[in-house]
């Protein structure tokens, strides 16, 4: 009975924390909006933005992946057509899925690595800001993270068939590069266990089982034979420019980003190989540990392989590391378990109890404080784009809500009431913007001349400012300069009035620590705020 209660507490904790993510985390990447939420909106409601990746001539994205989320959303749509409710319903489904997969891995870690490792991993997962932003995101990289949880559980459980099945599913319908996580597992299966026949038999079986319907669905939508997984590999690996037109960053981009999302668990998980190898060189053995140090190092190898592969790529994005986020917590748990064992060996079981508890509490306290502080900061400081549209009134005529310099913060058509359309007006951004799908029966099959894979903008995507009924603008307090490509429209009160306004942190003007972490009574002193405004066009000149 006590075990059942304990398991129920673990499940409830995971579900509650992940639902907090679904309800309060922001959309941190415009790729999530335009490449996933918008095509999903089109599938459900017949209206939405299309990016060049969904143009049939490129076909880098899979409609099969969208329908994984679209089917339950379609069921909800039979009861309500409220876009915001559908948006959060899908997010909550993702959050619960993540929580259940985490629970399964927790149980298997307890059996294979010991209750201490499992409990530590769970606590670090719950306090991880990285898991907060990734667990409910509608991104293939988040989907691949779910598969990582399932793969690690199957690997530890020596369940070859499940490990191959979920890896094949992830690579074909989600993100093909996610199979990197399974490389150590496959090498072990082929060269240590010598199960060549099992591997190839199951790989072919599940490859065909998932691949055939995925290809059929995508070919139907694109109007030509399409294997989206191969297309994205070809574009990223075998074209002259690949993905390097976007987001080219130095390696410090990942160092800073991963520290914000994982803080002390980043440092400890990366230190784990050093501790294991040092102990091995000194001949120090563990006591009472189910998993040997070398087995633990092999279990962690997908993290180190993943970081190596993506650190050397010029194109760097936060979401690219999502698939291995659970492994930062696992590496930290294994490291602490190692250190606890060494302390018991050196000091004895009785005398090591206090220092081990002190060390454990110290690490958990740092992870908890920095993790929760980061979660609160992202939710409180940067939520305005998802809330400012809530004051749009109902209308029977088609109205335009325009975005200029704030185009990349548009949360999606799920947040717009019926009869509103988002539009883009000219700004300093000259790259490729999305355009609305043709709202016809074969809208996904039409090739448009305004799409390209060179990130070159096209006038088709731009809308005349004079035709905008509403405009979303970030007011940083600057004066109005009509000659600027990105004027501060909020101060042009002859043309616009403020329909809704929400505080939004000016990140470039605020102190680095304050904008990254919320510290009560402290952070606000070092933050510079602007106003995120929904502007309404004045119908007539104001009376002076």
Protein backbone atom coordinates (compact mmCIF):
# COMPACT_ATOMS: atom_id res chain seq x y z
CA UNK A 1 0.00 0.00 0.00
CA UNK A 2 2.82 2.43 0.85
CA UNK A 3 4.44 1.72 -2.53
CA UNK A 4 1.17 2.52 -4.30
CA UNK A 5 0.89 5.79 -2.39
CA UNK A 6 4.49 6.65 -3.20
CA UNK A 7 3.96 5.98 -6.91
CA UNK A 8 0.76 8.00 -6.89
CA UNK A 9 2.62 10.94 -5.34
CA UNK A 10 5.33 10.72 -8.03
CA UNK A 11 2.79 10.63 -10.88
CA UNK A 12 0.79 13.48 -9.39
CA UNK A 13 3.91 15.60 -8.87
CA UNK A 14 5.05 15.09 -12.45
CA UNK A 15 1.61 15.78 -13.93
CA UNK A 16 1.05 18.92 -11.84
CA UNK A 17 4.46 20.40 -12.64
CA UNK A 18 4.17 19.61 -16.35
CA UNK A 19 0.68 21.11 -16.50
CA UNK A 20 2.14 24.29 -15.01
CA UNK A 21 4.44 24.34 -18.01
CA UNK A 22 1.52 23.87 -20.41
CA UNK A 23 -0.43 26.72 -18.84
CA UNK A 24 2.30 29.24 -18.05
CA UNK A 25 5.34 28.72 -20.27
CA UNK A 26 5.75 31.05 -23.22
CA UNK A 27 6.36 30.24 -26.87
CA UNK A 28 10.10 30.81 -26.87
CA UNK A 29 10.74 30.14 -30.56
CA UNK A 30 8.86 31.54 -33.55
CA UNK A 31 9.62 28.27 -35.36
CA UNK A 32 7.12 26.62 -33.02
CA UNK A 33 4.43 29.12 -34.03
CA UNK A 34 4.93 29.23 -37.77
CA UNK A 35 6.05 25.67 -38.51
CA UNK A 36 3.69 23.81 -36.17
CA UNK A 37 0.89 25.77 -34.52
CA UNK A 38 0.01 27.58 -37.75
CA UNK A 39 -0.16 24.53 -40.06
CA UNK A 40 -2.11 22.76 -37.30
CA UNK A 41 -4.55 25.68 -37.23
CA UNK A 42 -4.92 25.33 -40.99
CA UNK A 43 -5.67 21.60 -40.71
CA UNK A 44 -8.29 22.23 -38.02
CA UNK A 45 -9.86 25.49 -39.16
CA UNK A 46 -8.86 25.96 -42.79
CA UNK A 47 -6.79 29.09 -42.12
CA UNK A 48 -3.17 29.49 -41.10
CA UNK A 49 0.31 30.54 -42.14
CA UNK A 50 2.44 28.38 -44.40
CA UNK A 51 6.24 28.53 -44.35
CA UNK A 52 8.56 27.65 -47.21
CA UNK A 53 9.35 24.33 -45.47
CA UNK A 54 5.76 23.25 -46.23
CA UNK A 55 5.92 24.23 -49.88
CA UNK A 56 5.69 21.03 -52.00
CA UNK A 57 8.94 21.85 -53.79
CA UNK A 58 10.82 21.56 -50.47
CA UNK A 59 8.50 19.48 -48.21
CA UNK A 60 10.75 19.49 -45.14
CA UNK A 61 7.94 19.12 -42.58
CA UNK A 62 5.51 16.27 -42.03
CA UNK A 63 1.73 16.61 -41.92
CA UNK A 64 1.69 13.20 -40.24
CA UNK A 65 3.39 14.76 -37.23
CA UNK A 66 0.78 17.52 -37.16
CA UNK A 67 -2.07 15.01 -37.19
CA UNK A 68 -0.68 13.28 -34.09
CA UNK A 69 -1.81 16.42 -32.28
CA UNK A 70 -4.61 17.33 -34.66
CA UNK A 71 -6.71 14.23 -34.03
CA UNK A 72 -7.36 14.85 -30.30
CA UNK A 73 -7.74 18.56 -31.04
CA UNK A 74 -10.33 17.70 -33.69
CA UNK A 75 -12.32 15.77 -31.08
CA UNK A 76 -12.29 18.79 -28.77
CA UNK A 77 -13.30 21.00 -31.69
CA UNK A 78 -16.56 19.06 -31.91
CA UNK A 79 -17.43 20.56 -28.52
CA UNK A 80 -15.85 24.02 -28.79
CA UNK A 81 -14.31 26.10 -31.53
CA UNK A 82 -12.45 28.38 -29.11
CA UNK A 83 -8.90 28.59 -30.42
CA UNK A 84 -7.30 29.43 -27.08
CA UNK A 85 -8.94 26.40 -25.43
CA UNK A 86 -7.75 24.13 -28.25
CA UNK A 87 -4.23 25.55 -27.95
CA UNK A 88 -4.00 24.85 -24.22
CA UNK A 89 -5.74 21.47 -24.60
CA UNK A 90 -3.01 20.30 -26.98
CA UNK A 91 -0.35 21.67 -24.64
CA UNK A 92 -1.85 19.84 -21.68
CA UNK A 93 -1.90 16.57 -23.64
CA UNK A 94 1.78 17.04 -24.40
CA UNK A 95 2.52 17.81 -20.76
CA UNK A 96 0.72 14.70 -19.47
CA UNK A 97 2.45 12.53 -22.10
CA UNK A 98 5.82 13.82 -20.95
CA UNK A 99 4.93 13.23 -17.29
CA UNK A 100 3.87 9.61 -17.88
CA UNK A 101 7.05 8.82 -19.83
CA UNK A 102 9.11 10.41 -17.06
CA UNK A 103 7.31 8.25 -14.52
CA UNK A 104 8.09 5.11 -16.49
CA UNK A 105 11.78 5.97 -16.66
CA UNK A 106 11.74 6.79 -12.94
CA UNK A 107 10.38 3.34 -12.12
CA UNK A 108 12.97 1.59 -14.29
CA UNK A 109 15.80 3.71 -12.89
CA UNK A 110 14.72 2.61 -9.44
CA UNK A 111 14.98 -1.08 -10.40
CA UNK A 112 18.18 -0.87 -12.42
CA UNK A 113 20.17 1.95 -10.78
CA UNK A 114 18.73 2.08 -7.27
CA UNK A 115 16.15 4.21 -5.52
CA UNK A 116 18.68 6.94 -4.74
CA UNK A 117 19.47 7.58 -8.40
CA UNK A 118 15.79 7.47 -9.36
CA UNK A 119 14.76 9.90 -6.60
CA UNK A 120 17.55 12.34 -7.38
CA UNK A 121 16.72 12.21 -11.10
CA UNK A 122 13.06 12.90 -10.36
CA UNK A 123 13.84 15.89 -8.16
CA UNK A 124 16.19 17.42 -10.72
CA UNK A 125 13.60 16.87 -13.46
CA UNK A 126 10.91 18.65 -11.46
CA UNK A 127 13.15 21.66 -10.78
CA UNK A 128 14.54 21.93 -14.32
CA UNK A 129 13.77 25.16 -16.18
CA UNK A 130 14.76 23.37 -19.38
CA UNK A 131 12.03 20.79 -18.87
CA UNK A 132 9.60 23.60 -18.08
CA UNK A 133 10.07 25.22 -21.50
CA UNK A 134 10.38 22.02 -23.53
CA UNK A 135 7.89 19.55 -22.03
CA UNK A 136 4.77 21.16 -23.53
CA UNK A 137 6.24 22.69 -26.69
CA UNK A 138 4.75 21.68 -30.05
CA UNK A 139 8.15 20.91 -31.58
CA UNK A 140 9.66 17.75 -33.08
CA UNK A 141 12.62 18.27 -30.76
CA UNK A 142 10.26 18.06 -27.76
CA UNK A 143 8.66 14.99 -29.30
CA UNK A 144 12.16 13.54 -29.66
CA UNK A 145 12.72 14.27 -25.97
CA UNK A 146 9.68 12.12 -25.16
CA UNK A 147 11.22 9.38 -27.29
CA UNK A 148 14.53 9.77 -25.43
CA UNK A 149 12.67 9.03 -22.19
CA UNK A 150 11.08 5.95 -23.79
CA UNK A 151 14.36 4.82 -25.39
CA UNK A 152 16.35 5.10 -22.17
CA UNK A 153 13.66 3.19 -20.30
CA UNK A 154 13.64 0.42 -22.93
CA UNK A 155 17.44 0.32 -23.04
CA UNK A 156 17.71 -0.10 -19.26
CA UNK A 157 14.93 -2.67 -19.33
CA UNK A 158 16.72 -4.60 -22.10
CA UNK A 159 13.60 -4.27 -24.22
CA UNK A 160 15.17 -4.29 -27.68
CA UNK A 161 11.97 -4.27 -29.65
CA UNK A 162 10.50 -1.22 -27.90
CA UNK A 163 13.77 0.70 -28.17
CA UNK A 164 13.92 0.13 -31.93
CA UNK A 165 10.20 0.82 -32.38
CA UNK A 166 10.21 4.20 -30.64
CA UNK A 167 13.47 5.26 -32.31
CA UNK A 168 12.05 4.45 -35.75
CA UNK A 169 8.87 6.34 -34.92
CA UNK A 170 10.82 9.40 -33.76
CA UNK A 171 13.11 9.47 -36.77
CA UNK A 172 10.34 9.04 -39.33
CA UNK A 173 7.56 11.25 -37.99
CA UNK A 174 9.40 13.64 -35.70
CA UNK A 175 13.00 14.68 -36.21
CA UNK A 176 15.33 12.29 -38.09
CA UNK A 177 18.42 13.56 -36.27
CA UNK A 178 16.95 12.27 -32.99
CA UNK A 179 18.19 8.78 -33.85
CA UNK A 180 21.61 9.98 -32.63
CA UNK A 181 20.37 9.25 -29.10
CA UNK A 182 20.01 5.57 -30.00
CA UNK A 183 23.46 5.18 -31.60
CA UNK A 184 25.17 3.81 -28.43
CA UNK A 185 22.25 1.43 -27.90
CA UNK A 186 22.54 0.14 -31.49
CA UNK A 187 26.32 -0.27 -31.21
CA UNK A 188 25.89 -2.26 -28.01
CA UNK A 189 23.21 -4.41 -29.62
CA UNK A 190 25.30 -5.13 -32.72
CA UNK A 191 28.84 -5.47 -31.42
CA UNK A 192 28.59 -6.54 -27.78
CA UNK A 193 25.38 -8.57 -27.80
CA UNK A 194 25.75 -9.52 -31.49
CA UNK A 195 22.01 -9.40 -32.13
CA UNK A 196 22.31 -8.49 -35.81
CA UNK A 197 19.22 -10.39 -36.88
CA UNK A 198 17.04 -8.93 -34.11
CA UNK A 199 18.12 -5.41 -34.96
CA UNK A 200 17.62 -5.59 -38.72
CA UNK A 201 14.39 -7.55 -38.45
CA UNK A 202 12.83 -5.06 -36.05
CA UNK A 203 14.27 -2.05 -37.85
CA UNK A 204 12.69 -3.18 -41.13
CA UNK A 205 9.41 -4.14 -39.44
CA UNK A 206 8.90 -0.84 -37.62
CA UNK A 207 10.41 1.22 -40.42
CA UNK A 208 7.77 -0.15 -42.77
CA UNK A 209 4.97 -0.07 -40.17
CA UNK A 210 5.48 3.64 -39.52
CA UNK A 211 7.11 4.72 -42.75
CA UNK A 212 4.44 3.58 -45.20
CA UNK A 213 1.46 5.46 -43.66
CA UNK A 214 3.63 8.52 -42.94
CA UNK A 215 4.80 8.70 -46.55
CA UNK A 216 1.24 8.12 -47.84
CA UNK A 217 -0.19 10.92 -45.67
CA UNK A 218 2.57 13.38 -46.58
CA UNK A 219 2.43 12.49 -50.27
CA UNK A 220 -1.32 13.12 -50.21
CA UNK A 221 -0.89 16.55 -48.68
CA UNK A 222 2.05 17.63 -50.82
CA UNK A 223 0.57 16.19 -54.02
CA UNK A 224 3.73 14.27 -54.90
CA UNK A 225 5.74 11.39 -53.47
CA UNK A 226 7.29 12.78 -50.29
CA UNK A 227 9.60 11.46 -47.58
CA UNK A 228 9.89 14.52 -45.35
CA UNK A 229 12.57 12.93 -43.13
CA UNK A 230 14.87 12.47 -46.14
CA UNK A 231 14.15 15.98 -47.40
CA UNK A 232 15.20 17.61 -44.15
CA UNK A 233 18.38 15.53 -44.02
CA UNK A 234 19.19 16.43 -47.61
CA UNK A 235 18.62 20.14 -46.98
CA UNK A 236 20.64 20.27 -43.76
CA UNK A 237 23.51 18.01 -44.81
CA UNK A 238 23.78 17.91 -48.59
CA UNK A 239 23.00 21.44 -49.80
CA UNK A 240 25.66 24.10 -50.25
CA UNK A 241 24.09 26.45 -47.67
CA UNK A 242 22.12 23.99 -45.50
CA UNK A 243 20.70 25.62 -42.40
CA UNK A 244 23.50 28.17 -42.07
CA UNK A 245 21.29 30.99 -43.33
CA UNK A 246 19.65 31.05 -39.92
CA UNK A 247 20.86 31.28 -36.34
CA UNK A 248 24.62 30.95 -36.84
CA UNK A 249 26.10 31.30 -33.35
CA UNK A 250 29.38 30.62 -31.50
CA UNK A 251 29.57 27.73 -29.06
CA UNK A 252 29.04 30.12 -26.14
CA UNK A 253 25.40 30.34 -27.25
CA UNK A 254 24.86 26.80 -25.99
CA UNK A 255 26.99 27.31 -22.89
CA UNK A 256 24.90 30.30 -21.76
CA UNK A 257 21.60 28.78 -22.79
CA UNK A 258 22.22 25.44 -21.14
CA UNK A 259 23.35 27.07 -17.93
CA UNK A 260 20.14 29.12 -17.80
CA UNK A 261 18.04 25.99 -18.33
CA UNK A 262 20.01 23.48 -16.24
CA UNK A 263 22.34 25.51 -13.97
CA UNK A 264 24.18 23.20 -11.58
CA UNK A 265 22.99 20.00 -13.28
CA UNK A 266 24.76 21.12 -16.47
CA UNK A 267 28.07 21.43 -14.62
CA UNK A 268 27.70 18.18 -12.68
CA UNK A 269 26.45 16.05 -15.58
CA UNK A 270 29.39 17.17 -17.73
CA UNK A 271 31.75 16.41 -14.82
CA UNK A 272 30.48 12.85 -14.49
CA UNK A 273 32.96 11.26 -16.95
CA UNK A 274 35.86 12.98 -15.19
CA UNK A 275 34.78 11.59 -11.80
CA UNK A 276 34.28 8.08 -13.19
CA UNK A 277 37.62 7.99 -14.98
CA UNK A 278 39.50 9.49 -12.03
CA UNK A 279 37.99 6.91 -9.68
CA UNK A 280 38.89 4.13 -12.11
CA UNK A 281 42.50 5.34 -12.36
CA UNK A 282 42.78 5.48 -8.57
CA UNK A 283 41.21 2.05 -8.22
CA UNK A 284 38.31 3.37 -6.14
CA UNK A 285 35.26 1.12 -6.30
CA UNK A 286 31.63 1.84 -5.53
CA UNK A 287 29.82 0.26 -2.62
CA UNK A 288 26.23 -0.94 -2.77
CA UNK A 289 25.62 0.43 -6.27
CA UNK A 290 23.59 -1.57 -8.78
CA UNK A 291 25.05 0.22 -11.80
CA UNK A 292 28.82 0.17 -12.28
CA UNK A 293 30.56 3.48 -13.11
CA UNK A 294 31.36 2.33 -16.64
CA UNK A 295 27.77 1.24 -17.19
CA UNK A 296 26.65 4.66 -15.99
CA UNK A 297 29.07 6.34 -18.36
CA UNK A 298 27.76 4.25 -21.26
CA UNK A 299 24.20 5.14 -20.26
CA UNK A 300 25.15 8.83 -20.41
CA UNK A 301 26.97 8.57 -23.73
CA UNK A 302 23.98 9.83 -25.81
CA UNK A 303 24.24 13.20 -24.03
CA UNK A 304 27.93 13.64 -24.79
CA UNK A 305 27.55 12.42 -28.37
CA UNK A 306 24.60 14.78 -28.92
CA UNK A 307 26.42 17.81 -27.50
CA UNK A 308 29.48 17.09 -29.62
CA UNK A 309 27.48 16.76 -32.85
CA UNK A 310 25.44 19.92 -32.34
CA UNK A 311 28.19 22.07 -30.80
CA UNK A 312 30.24 21.85 -34.02
CA UNK A 313 27.27 22.88 -36.21
CA UNK A 314 27.26 26.60 -37.16
CA UNK A 315 23.46 26.78 -36.84
CA UNK A 316 22.54 26.70 -33.17
CA UNK A 317 19.08 26.85 -31.65
CA UNK A 318 17.88 26.28 -28.10
CA UNK A 319 15.41 23.63 -29.24
CA UNK A 320 18.16 21.51 -30.83
CA UNK A 321 19.24 20.31 -27.38
CA UNK A 322 15.71 19.47 -26.15
CA UNK A 323 16.00 15.73 -26.96
CA UNK A 324 18.72 15.19 -24.32
CA UNK A 325 17.36 17.48 -21.60
CA UNK A 326 16.42 14.57 -19.26
CA UNK A 327 20.01 13.35 -19.38
CA UNK A 328 21.36 16.40 -17.55
CA UNK A 329 19.33 15.37 -14.52
CA UNK A 330 20.38 11.72 -14.96
CA UNK A 331 24.08 12.59 -15.16
CA UNK A 332 23.81 14.66 -12.00
CA UNK A 333 21.97 11.87 -10.18
CA UNK A 334 24.61 9.31 -11.21
CA UNK A 335 27.44 11.64 -10.21
CA UNK A 336 25.98 12.29 -6.78
CA UNK A 337 25.38 8.58 -6.31
CA UNK A 338 29.06 8.03 -7.12
CA UNK A 339 30.17 10.68 -4.65
CA UNK A 340 27.90 9.32 -1.92
CA UNK A 341 29.43 5.88 -2.49
CA UNK A 342 32.99 7.20 -2.30
CA UNK A 343 32.17 9.07 0.91
CA UNK A 344 30.80 5.87 2.45
CA UNK A 345 33.96 4.04 1.46
CA UNK A 346 36.27 6.70 2.89
CA UNK A 347 34.38 7.69 6.05
CA UNK A 348 32.31 4.60 6.71
CA UNK A 349 28.54 4.19 6.46
CA UNK A 350 27.74 5.96 9.75
CA UNK A 351 30.14 8.91 9.53
CA UNK A 352 29.33 9.63 5.87
CA UNK A 353 25.61 10.11 6.47
CA UNK A 354 25.76 13.78 7.46
CA UNK A 355 28.19 15.00 4.72
CA UNK A 356 26.24 13.07 2.09
CA UNK A 357 22.96 14.63 3.18
CA UNK A 358 24.55 18.07 3.32
CA UNK A 359 25.96 17.69 -0.18
CA UNK A 360 22.64 16.40 -1.51
CA UNK A 361 20.61 19.18 0.05
CA UNK A 362 23.07 21.83 -1.18
CA UNK A 363 22.90 20.67 -4.80
CA UNK A 364 19.12 20.30 -4.70
CA UNK A 365 18.74 23.75 -3.12
CA UNK A 366 20.78 25.38 -5.88
CA UNK A 367 18.87 23.50 -8.59
CA UNK A 368 15.52 24.36 -7.00
CA UNK A 369 16.24 28.05 -6.44
CA UNK A 370 17.77 28.73 -9.85
CA UNK A 371 15.28 26.50 -11.68
CA UNK A 372 12.14 27.99 -10.15
CA UNK A 373 13.57 31.51 -10.41
CA UNK A 374 14.18 30.96 -14.14
CA UNK A 375 10.69 29.53 -14.70
CA UNK A 376 9.08 32.49 -12.95
CA UNK A 377 11.18 34.98 -14.90
CA UNK A 378 10.23 33.63 -18.31
CA UNK A 379 6.55 33.40 -17.36
CA UNK A 380 6.31 36.84 -15.73
CA UNK A 381 8.62 38.97 -17.85
CA UNK A 382 7.89 37.74 -21.37
CA UNK A 383 4.26 36.60 -21.46
CA UNK A 384 2.81 39.76 -22.99
CA UNK A 385 2.66 38.52 -26.63
CA UNK A 386 0.36 35.67 -25.54
CA UNK A 387 -1.96 37.87 -23.48
CA UNK A 388 -2.21 41.20 -25.32
CA UNK A 389 -4.56 39.82 -28.00
CA UNK A 390 -7.20 38.77 -25.47
CA UNK A 391 -8.86 42.21 -25.63
CA UNK A 392 -9.74 41.97 -29.32
CA UNK A 393 -13.53 42.43 -29.60
CA UNK A 394 -15.83 40.09 -31.51
CA UNK A 395 -16.61 41.25 -35.04
CA UNK A 396 -18.60 40.18 -38.10
CA UNK A 397 -16.28 41.88 -40.58
CA UNK A 398 -12.75 40.78 -41.48
CA UNK A 399 -10.19 42.86 -39.62
CA UNK A 400 -6.40 42.87 -39.84
CA UNK A 401 -4.02 42.68 -36.87
CA UNK A 402 -0.60 43.75 -38.11
CA UNK A 403 2.89 42.90 -36.94
CA UNK A 404 6.03 44.79 -37.90
CA UNK A 405 9.15 44.46 -35.80
CA UNK A 406 7.26 42.07 -33.51
CA UNK A 407 6.53 39.51 -36.25
CA UNK A 408 8.58 36.79 -34.52
CA UNK A 409 6.53 37.08 -31.30
CA UNK A 410 3.14 36.43 -32.90
CA UNK A 411 1.67 33.54 -30.83
CA UNK A 412 -0.49 32.20 -33.64
CA UNK A 413 -3.99 32.29 -35.07
CA UNK A 414 -5.31 30.22 -32.16
CA UNK A 415 -5.16 33.47 -30.17
CA UNK A 416 -7.13 35.51 -32.69
CA UNK A 417 -10.95 35.62 -32.52
CA UNK A 418 -12.92 34.66 -35.66
CA UNK A 419 -12.77 37.12 -38.58
CA UNK A 420 -9.31 38.45 -37.67
CA UNK A 421 -6.22 37.94 -39.77
CA UNK A 422 -2.62 38.52 -38.79
CA UNK A 423 -0.64 40.56 -41.32
CA UNK A 424 2.98 41.62 -41.68
CA UNK A 425 3.99 45.20 -42.39
CA UNK A 426 7.41 46.34 -43.52
CA UNK A 427 10.17 46.36 -40.91
CA UNK A 428 13.95 46.06 -40.83
CA UNK A 429 13.62 42.27 -41.25
CA UNK A 430 14.22 41.38 -44.90
CA UNK A 431 14.20 37.58 -44.68
CA UNK A 432 11.51 35.08 -45.62
CA UNK A 433 8.18 35.53 -43.83
CA UNK A 434 5.32 33.01 -43.90
CA UNK A 435 2.24 33.51 -46.06
CA UNK A 436 -1.32 32.26 -45.62
CA UNK A 437 -2.15 28.90 -47.12
CA UNK A 438 -4.46 29.01 -50.09
CA UNK A 439 -7.84 28.28 -48.50
CA UNK A 440 -8.85 25.74 -51.12
CA UNK A 441 -9.26 21.98 -51.08
CA UNK A 442 -5.73 21.43 -52.39
CA UNK A 443 -4.12 24.38 -50.60
CA UNK A 444 -1.21 22.28 -49.31
CA UNK A 445 -0.30 21.11 -52.84
CA UNK A 446 0.11 24.49 -54.53
CA UNK A 447 3.63 25.68 -55.37
CA UNK A 448 4.02 29.44 -54.94
CA UNK A 449 6.72 31.54 -56.56
CA UNK A 450 7.17 33.65 -53.44
CA UNK A 451 8.72 30.82 -51.42
CA UNK A 452 12.44 30.03 -51.54
CA UNK A 453 15.02 28.24 -49.41
CA UNK A 454 17.49 31.14 -49.45
CA UNK A 455 15.80 33.25 -46.72
CA UNK A 456 15.06 36.00 -49.23
CA UNK A 457 12.01 38.13 -48.50
CA UNK A 458 9.15 38.65 -50.97
CA UNK A 459 6.66 41.54 -51.18
CA UNK A 460 3.74 39.09 -51.30
CA UNK A 461 4.03 38.60 -47.54
CA UNK A 462 3.82 42.34 -46.76
CA UNK A 463 0.63 44.27 -46.05
CA UNK A 464 0.01 48.00 -46.34
CA UNK A 465 0.17 49.71 -42.97
CA UNK A 466 -2.69 52.01 -43.95
CA UNK A 467 -5.01 48.98 -44.21
CA UNK A 468 -4.27 47.69 -40.69
CA UNK A 469 -7.14 47.87 -38.22
CA UNK A 470 -4.90 46.87 -35.30
CA UNK A 471 -1.15 46.87 -34.82
CA UNK A 472 0.99 45.09 -32.21
CA UNK A 473 3.88 47.26 -31.09
CA UNK A 474 6.54 47.18 -28.38
CA UNK A 475 6.87 50.64 -26.88
CA UNK A 476 10.39 51.18 -25.53
CA UNK A 477 9.79 54.85 -24.88
CA UNK A 478 11.39 56.17 -28.06
CA UNK A 479 9.96 59.12 -29.98
CA UNK A 480 8.06 58.60 -33.24
CA UNK A 481 10.30 58.69 -36.34
CA UNK A 482 8.21 58.12 -39.45
CA UNK A 483 11.38 57.65 -41.54
CA UNK A 484 12.50 54.69 -39.45
CA UNK A 485 11.84 51.15 -40.69
CA UNK A 486 10.63 50.33 -37.18
CA UNK A 487 9.09 53.49 -35.69
CA UNK A 488 7.56 53.56 -32.23
CA UNK A 489 3.97 53.45 -33.43
CA UNK A 490 2.64 53.63 -29.87
CA UNK A 491 3.40 57.34 -29.58
CA UNK A 492 1.64 58.21 -32.84
CA UNK A 493 -1.64 59.02 -31.12
CA UNK A 494 -3.05 60.75 -34.19
CA UNK A 495 -3.21 57.38 -35.93
CA UNK A 496 -3.41 54.87 -33.10
CA UNK A 497 -5.00 54.48 -29.69
CA UNK A 498 -4.03 51.83 -27.17
CA UNK A 499 -6.59 49.01 -26.97
CA UNK A 500 -4.56 46.83 -24.62
CA UNK A 501 -1.19 47.17 -22.91
CA UNK A 502 0.96 44.73 -20.93
CA UNK A 503 4.35 45.20 -19.30
CA UNK A 504 7.25 43.55 -21.13
CA UNK A 505 10.93 43.53 -20.14
CA UNK A 506 13.41 45.34 -22.37
CA UNK A 507 16.04 42.63 -22.28
CA UNK A 508 18.77 44.66 -23.98
CA UNK A 509 18.45 47.46 -21.40
CA UNK A 510 18.08 45.31 -18.27
CA UNK A 511 20.76 43.71 -16.12
CA UNK A 512 21.62 40.19 -17.34
CA UNK A 513 20.92 38.42 -14.05
CA UNK A 514 17.70 40.31 -13.39
CA UNK A 515 16.19 39.56 -16.80
CA UNK A 516 17.14 35.86 -16.55
CA UNK A 517 16.01 35.14 -12.97
CA UNK A 518 13.20 36.36 -10.77
CA UNK A 519 14.37 37.27 -7.28
CA UNK A 520 11.65 38.83 -5.09
CA UNK A 521 12.35 42.43 -4.03
CA UNK A 522 15.60 42.45 -6.03
CA UNK A 523 15.09 41.75 -9.75
CA UNK A 524 12.67 44.63 -10.40
CA UNK A 525 15.30 47.18 -9.36
CA UNK A 526 17.49 46.15 -12.28
CA UNK A 527 14.84 45.68 -14.95
CA UNK A 528 13.84 48.19 -17.61
CA UNK A 529 10.24 47.76 -18.70
CA UNK A 530 8.48 48.65 -21.90
CA UNK A 531 4.83 48.38 -22.88
CA UNK A 532 3.62 45.67 -25.22
CA UNK A 533 0.68 47.35 -26.91
CA UNK A 534 -2.26 46.35 -29.04
CA UNK A 535 -2.97 49.51 -31.02
CA UNK A 536 -6.33 50.31 -32.62
CA UNK A 537 -6.54 52.60 -35.63
CA UNK A 538 -8.43 55.79 -34.95
CA UNK A 539 -11.46 56.01 -37.21
CA UNK A 540 -11.45 59.80 -37.26
CA UNK A 541 -9.10 62.55 -36.28
CA UNK A 542 -9.22 63.25 -32.54
CA UNK A 543 -10.78 66.54 -31.47
CA UNK A 544 -8.08 68.92 -30.28
